[in-house]
C-alpha atoms as a PDB file:
ATOM      1  CA  MET A   1      92.976  69.457 131.897  1.00  0.00           C
ATOM      2  CA  SER A   2      96.730  69.364 130.999  1.00  0.00           C
ATOM      3  CA  ARG A   3      98.607  72.618 130.038  1.00  0.00           C
ATOM      4  CA  VAL A   4      99.510  72.576 126.057  1.00  0.00           C
ATOM      5  CA  GLU A   5     103.208  73.956 125.564  1.00  0.00           C
ATOM      6  CA  ARG A   6     103.588  75.824 122.509  1.00  0.00           C
ATOM      7  CA  GLY A   7     106.194  78.576 121.699  1.00  0.00           C
ATOM      8  CA  PRO A   8     106.028  81.374 119.548  1.00  0.00           C
ATOM      9  CA  LEU A   9     104.368  81.080 115.947  1.00  0.00           C
ATOM     10  CA  PRO A  10     106.503  81.395 112.842  1.00  0.00           C
ATOM     11  CA  GLN A  11     105.965  84.765 111.393  1.00  0.00           C
ATOM     12  CA  THR A  12     103.886  83.913 108.450  1.00  0.00           C
ATOM     13  CA  GLU A  13     101.444  81.701 110.659  1.00  0.00           C
ATOM     14  CA  TYR A  14     101.402  84.913 113.087  1.00  0.00           C
ATOM     15  CA  GLU A  15     100.616  87.102 110.411  1.00  0.00           C
ATOM     16  CA  SER A  16      97.868  84.741 108.811  1.00  0.00           C
ATOM     17  CA  ILE A  17      96.130  84.173 112.131  1.00  0.00           C
ATOM     18  CA  TYR A  18      96.063  87.842 113.365  1.00  0.00           C
ATOM     19  CA  ALA A  19      94.906  89.007 110.194  1.00  0.00           C
ATOM     20  CA  LYS A  20      91.611  87.313 111.128  1.00  0.00           C
ATOM     21  CA  VAL A  21      90.929  87.317 114.872  1.00  0.00           C
ATOM     22  CA  PRO A  22      91.778  89.454 117.778  1.00  0.00           C
ATOM     23  CA  ARG A  23      95.081  88.947 119.310  1.00  0.00           C
ATOM     24  CA  LEU A  24      94.953  88.363 123.259  1.00  0.00           C
ATOM     25  CA  THR A  25      98.000  89.905 125.306  1.00  0.00           C
ATOM     26  CA  VAL A  26      98.871  90.577 128.599  1.00  0.00           C
ATOM     27  CA  GLU A  27     100.228  94.092 129.883  1.00  0.00           C
ATOM     28  CA  LEU A  28     102.325  94.376 132.823  1.00  0.00           C
ATOM     29  CA  VAL A  29     101.772  97.601 134.912  1.00  0.00           C
ATOM     30  CA  ILE A  30     104.742  97.805 137.280  1.00  0.00           C
ATOM     31  CA  VAL A  31     104.717 100.502 139.401  1.00  0.00           C
ATOM     32  CA  SER A  32     106.942 101.591 142.230  1.00  0.00           C
ATOM     33  CA  PRO A  33     107.922 105.273 144.039  1.00  0.00           C
ATOM     34  CA  ARG A  34     110.052 106.008 141.064  1.00  0.00           C
ATOM     35  CA  GLY A  35     107.041 105.487 138.688  1.00  0.00           C
ATOM     36  CA  VAL A  36     105.693 103.121 136.062  1.00  0.00           C
ATOM     37  CA  LEU A  37     107.978 100.954 134.176  1.00  0.00           C
ATOM     38  CA  LEU A  38     108.028 101.308 130.593  1.00  0.00           C
ATOM     39  CA  SER A  39     109.795  99.433 127.653  1.00  0.00           C
ATOM     40  CA  LEU A  40     111.155 100.960 124.507  1.00  0.00           C
ATOM     41  CA  ARG A  41     110.056  98.988 121.376  1.00  0.00           C
ATOM     42  CA  GLN A  42     113.270  98.193 119.295  1.00  0.00           C
ATOM     43  CA  ASP A  43     111.440  96.686 116.250  1.00  0.00           C
ATOM     44  CA  GLY A  44     108.051  96.017 114.465  1.00  0.00           C
ATOM     45  CA  PRO A  45     105.628  98.629 113.627  1.00  0.00           C
ATOM     46  CA  CYS A  46     105.571 100.162 117.163  1.00  0.00           C
ATOM     47  CA  SER A  47     109.219 100.657 116.976  1.00  0.00           C
ATOM     48  CA  GLY A  48     110.400 103.655 118.908  1.00  0.00           C
ATOM     49  CA  LEU A  49     107.676 103.947 121.046  1.00  0.00           C
ATOM     50  CA  TRP A  50     107.629 103.439 124.843  1.00  0.00           C
ATOM     51  CA  ASN A  51     105.203 101.059 126.065  1.00  0.00           C
ATOM     52  CA  LEU A  52     104.036  98.989 129.047  1.00  0.00           C
ATOM     53  CA  PRO A  53     105.749  95.348 128.779  1.00  0.00           C
ATOM     54  CA  GLY A  54     103.638  92.746 127.493  1.00  0.00           C
ATOM     55  CA  GLY A  55     103.027  90.090 124.846  1.00  0.00           C
ATOM     56  CA  THR A  56     100.726  87.521 123.431  1.00  0.00           C
ATOM     57  CA  VAL A  57      99.150  84.869 125.456  1.00  0.00           C
ATOM     58  CA  ARG A  58     100.297  81.643 124.058  1.00  0.00           C
ATOM     59  CA  TYR A  59      97.691  78.671 123.363  1.00  0.00           C
ATOM     60  CA  GLY A  60      96.769  77.108 126.475  1.00  0.00           C
ATOM     61  CA  GLU A  61      98.986  79.468 128.811  1.00  0.00           C
ATOM     62  CA  PRO A  62      96.911  80.708 131.805  1.00  0.00           C
ATOM     63  CA  LEU A  63      97.060  84.591 132.093  1.00  0.00           C
ATOM     64  CA  ILE A  64      99.301  84.766 135.171  1.00  0.00           C
ATOM     65  CA  ASP A  65     101.760  82.366 133.578  1.00  0.00           C
ATOM     66  CA  ALA A  66     101.959  84.819 130.674  1.00  0.00           C
ATOM     67  CA  VAL A  67     102.529  87.598 132.764  1.00  0.00           C
ATOM     68  CA  GLU A  68     105.396  85.880 134.696  1.00  0.00           C
ATOM     69  CA  ARG A  69     106.969  84.706 131.258  1.00  0.00           C
ATOM     70  CA  ILE A  70     106.949  88.234 129.904  1.00  0.00           C
ATOM     71  CA  ALA A  71     108.467  89.872 132.904  1.00  0.00           C
ATOM     72  CA  ARG A  72     111.281  86.910 132.994  1.00  0.00           C
ATOM     73  CA  ASP A  73     111.838  86.853 129.167  1.00  0.00           C
ATOM     74  CA  GLU A  74     111.740  90.471 128.463  1.00  0.00           C
ATOM     75  CA  LEU A  75     112.810  92.231 131.793  1.00  0.00           C
ATOM     76  CA  ALA A  76     114.776  89.832 133.247  1.00  0.00           C
ATOM     77  CA  LEU A  77     112.582  90.452 136.527  1.00  0.00           C
ATOM     78  CA  GLU A  78     110.399  87.853 138.804  1.00  0.00           C
ATOM     79  CA  VAL A  79     106.939  89.526 139.436  1.00  0.00           C
ATOM     80  CA  SER A  80     103.878  88.490 141.194  1.00  0.00           C
ATOM     81  CA  VAL A  81     100.372  89.913 139.910  1.00  0.00           C
ATOM     82  CA  GLN A  82      98.630  92.031 142.522  1.00  0.00           C
ATOM     83  CA  ASP A  83      95.493  92.468 140.615  1.00  0.00           C
ATOM     84  CA  LEU A  84      93.362  92.943 137.039  1.00  0.00           C
ATOM     85  CA  LEU A  85      93.348  96.585 136.451  1.00  0.00           C
ATOM     86  CA  GLY A  86      91.120  95.913 133.255  1.00  0.00           C
ATOM     87  CA  TYR A  87      91.538  95.944 129.344  1.00  0.00           C
ATOM     88  CA  ILE A  88      93.292  98.163 126.828  1.00  0.00           C
ATOM     89  CA  GLU A  89      91.974  97.961 123.036  1.00  0.00           C
ATOM     90  CA  TYR A  90      94.162  99.416 120.543  1.00  0.00           C
ATOM     91  CA  PRO A  91      92.071 101.136 117.545  1.00  0.00           C
ATOM     92  CA  SER A  92      95.383 102.647 116.467  1.00  0.00           C
ATOM     93  CA  HIS A  93      96.581  99.360 115.343  1.00  0.00           C
ATOM     94  CA  LEU A  94      93.308  98.658 113.401  1.00  0.00           C
ATOM     95  CA  ALA A  95      93.580 101.988 111.674  1.00  0.00           C
ATOM     96  CA  GLN A  96      97.176 101.075 110.683  1.00  0.00           C
ATOM     97  CA  GLN A  97      96.059  97.602 109.608  1.00  0.00           C
ATOM     98  CA  ILE A  98      98.717  96.102 111.797  1.00  0.00           C
ATOM     99  CA  ASP A  99      96.566  93.844 114.015  1.00  0.00           C
ATOM    100  CA  TRP A 100      93.611  94.111 116.814  1.00  0.00           C
ATOM    101  CA  PRO A 101      95.393  93.450 120.186  1.00  0.00           C
ATOM    102  CA  VAL A 102      93.136  93.283 123.166  1.00  0.00           C
ATOM    103  CA  GLY A 103      95.469  93.561 126.397  1.00  0.00           C
ATOM    104  CA  ILE A 104      94.602  92.510 129.691  1.00  0.00           C
ATOM    105  CA  ALA A 105      96.387  94.956 132.301  1.00  0.00           C
ATOM    106  CA  PHE A 106      97.723  93.441 135.500  1.00  0.00           C
ATOM    107  CA  ARG A 107      99.320  95.397 138.240  1.00  0.00           C
ATOM    108  CA  CYS A 108     102.246  93.746 139.327  1.00  0.00           C
ATOM    109  CA  HIS A 109     105.186  93.793 142.003  1.00  0.00           C
ATOM    110  CA  LEU A 110     108.691  92.860 142.171  1.00  0.00           C
ATOM    111  CA  ARG A 111     108.970  89.211 143.837  1.00  0.00           C
ATOM    112  CA  ALA A 112     112.212  90.658 145.605  1.00  0.00           C
ATOM    113  CA  PRO A 113     111.309  93.788 147.109  1.00  0.00           C
ATOM    114  CA  SER A 114     114.858  94.323 148.280  1.00  0.00           C
ATOM    115  CA  GLN A 115     115.716  94.607 144.749  1.00  0.00           C
ATOM    116  CA  ASP A 116     117.550  97.865 143.663  1.00  0.00           C
ATOM    117  CA  LEU A 117     115.153  99.080 141.378  1.00  0.00           C
ATOM    118  CA  GLY A 118     117.779 101.181 139.712  1.00  0.00           C
ATOM    119  CA  ASP A 119     119.313  97.790 138.262  1.00  0.00           C
ATOM    120  CA  VAL A 120     116.043  97.421 136.286  1.00  0.00           C
ATOM    121  CA  GLU A 121     116.726 100.543 134.047  1.00  0.00           C
ATOM    122  CA  SER A 122     118.592 100.425 130.749  1.00  0.00           C
ATOM    123  CA  GLU A 123     118.311 102.275 127.705  1.00  0.00           C
ATOM    124  CA  HIS A 124     115.269 100.345 126.891  1.00  0.00           C
ATOM    125  CA  ILE A 125     113.535 100.283 130.202  1.00  0.00           C
ATOM    126  CA  GLY A 126     112.793 103.019 132.367  1.00  0.00           C
ATOM    127  CA  TRP A 127     110.562 104.425 135.278  1.00  0.00           C
ATOM    128  CA  PHE A 128     108.431 107.243 134.336  1.00  0.00           C
ATOM    129  CA  THR A 129     106.653 109.840 136.756  1.00  0.00           C
ATOM    130  CA  GLU A 130     105.345 111.703 133.498  1.00  0.00           C
ATOM    131  CA  LEU A 131     104.574 109.721 130.479  1.00  0.00           C
ATOM    132  CA  PRO A 132     106.706 110.153 127.547  1.00  0.00           C
ATOM    133  CA  THR A 133     105.081 111.785 124.411  1.00  0.00           C
ATOM    134  CA  ALA A 134     106.079 108.507 122.202  1.00  0.00           C
ATOM    135  CA  ILE A 135     103.826 106.138 123.923  1.00  0.00           C
ATOM    136  CA  HIS A 136     100.623 104.274 122.653  1.00  0.00           C
ATOM    137  CA  ASP A 137      97.739 106.710 123.015  1.00  0.00           C
ATOM    138  CA  GLU A 138      95.845 103.900 124.360  1.00  0.00           C
ATOM    139  CA  GLN A 139      98.317 102.981 127.092  1.00  0.00           C
ATOM    140  CA  ARG A 140      98.643 106.647 128.179  1.00  0.00           C
ATOM    141  CA  ASP A 141      94.836 107.219 128.590  1.00  0.00           C
ATOM    142  CA  PHE A 142      94.660 103.908 130.420  1.00  0.00           C
ATOM    143  CA  LEU A 143      97.436 104.920 132.923  1.00  0.00           C
ATOM    144  CA  ARG A 144      96.095 108.159 133.515  1.00  0.00           C
ATOM    145  CA  SER A 145      92.483 106.986 133.906  1.00  0.00           C
ATOM    146  CA  ARG A 146      93.991 104.971 136.852  1.00  0.00           C
ATOM    147  CA  ASP A 147      96.046 107.590 138.331  1.00  0.00           C
ATOM    148  CA  LEU A 148      99.038 105.388 137.641  1.00  0.00           C
ATOM    149  CA  ALA A 149     101.126 108.093 135.936  1.00  0.00           C
ATOM    150  CA  GLY A 150     101.200 111.700 134.782  1.00  0.00           C
END
């Protein structure tokens, strides 16, 4: 079976589709001795919230490819998937009538273990041993239930 390459949807098409069906996402759980890696949303309805890096799986895109694409595009990192941790549903999105994402969470590790993990940090990306208060409740609960962050 050949893979279908498609880029992001135009915003109106995206909104039309995801007003009717769940949105499949991948969530990257990158953990190091410095904590769990979180990114700060800059726009959209979740602006100002720290979150697990992640995004929508494109049509025809294998989940592992989506994880690698998001790490590369959003974090400028090369990662390898270690294992499947579970899924995260977002009733807070549904309650706010944003959408209904279902995130498949993967534990990942950096492909270059010699990389200085300090290089990954910026004002919008950081390592956390204690989770910030401004994070999705669903992600906080997920990480704590798996002893991945305090």
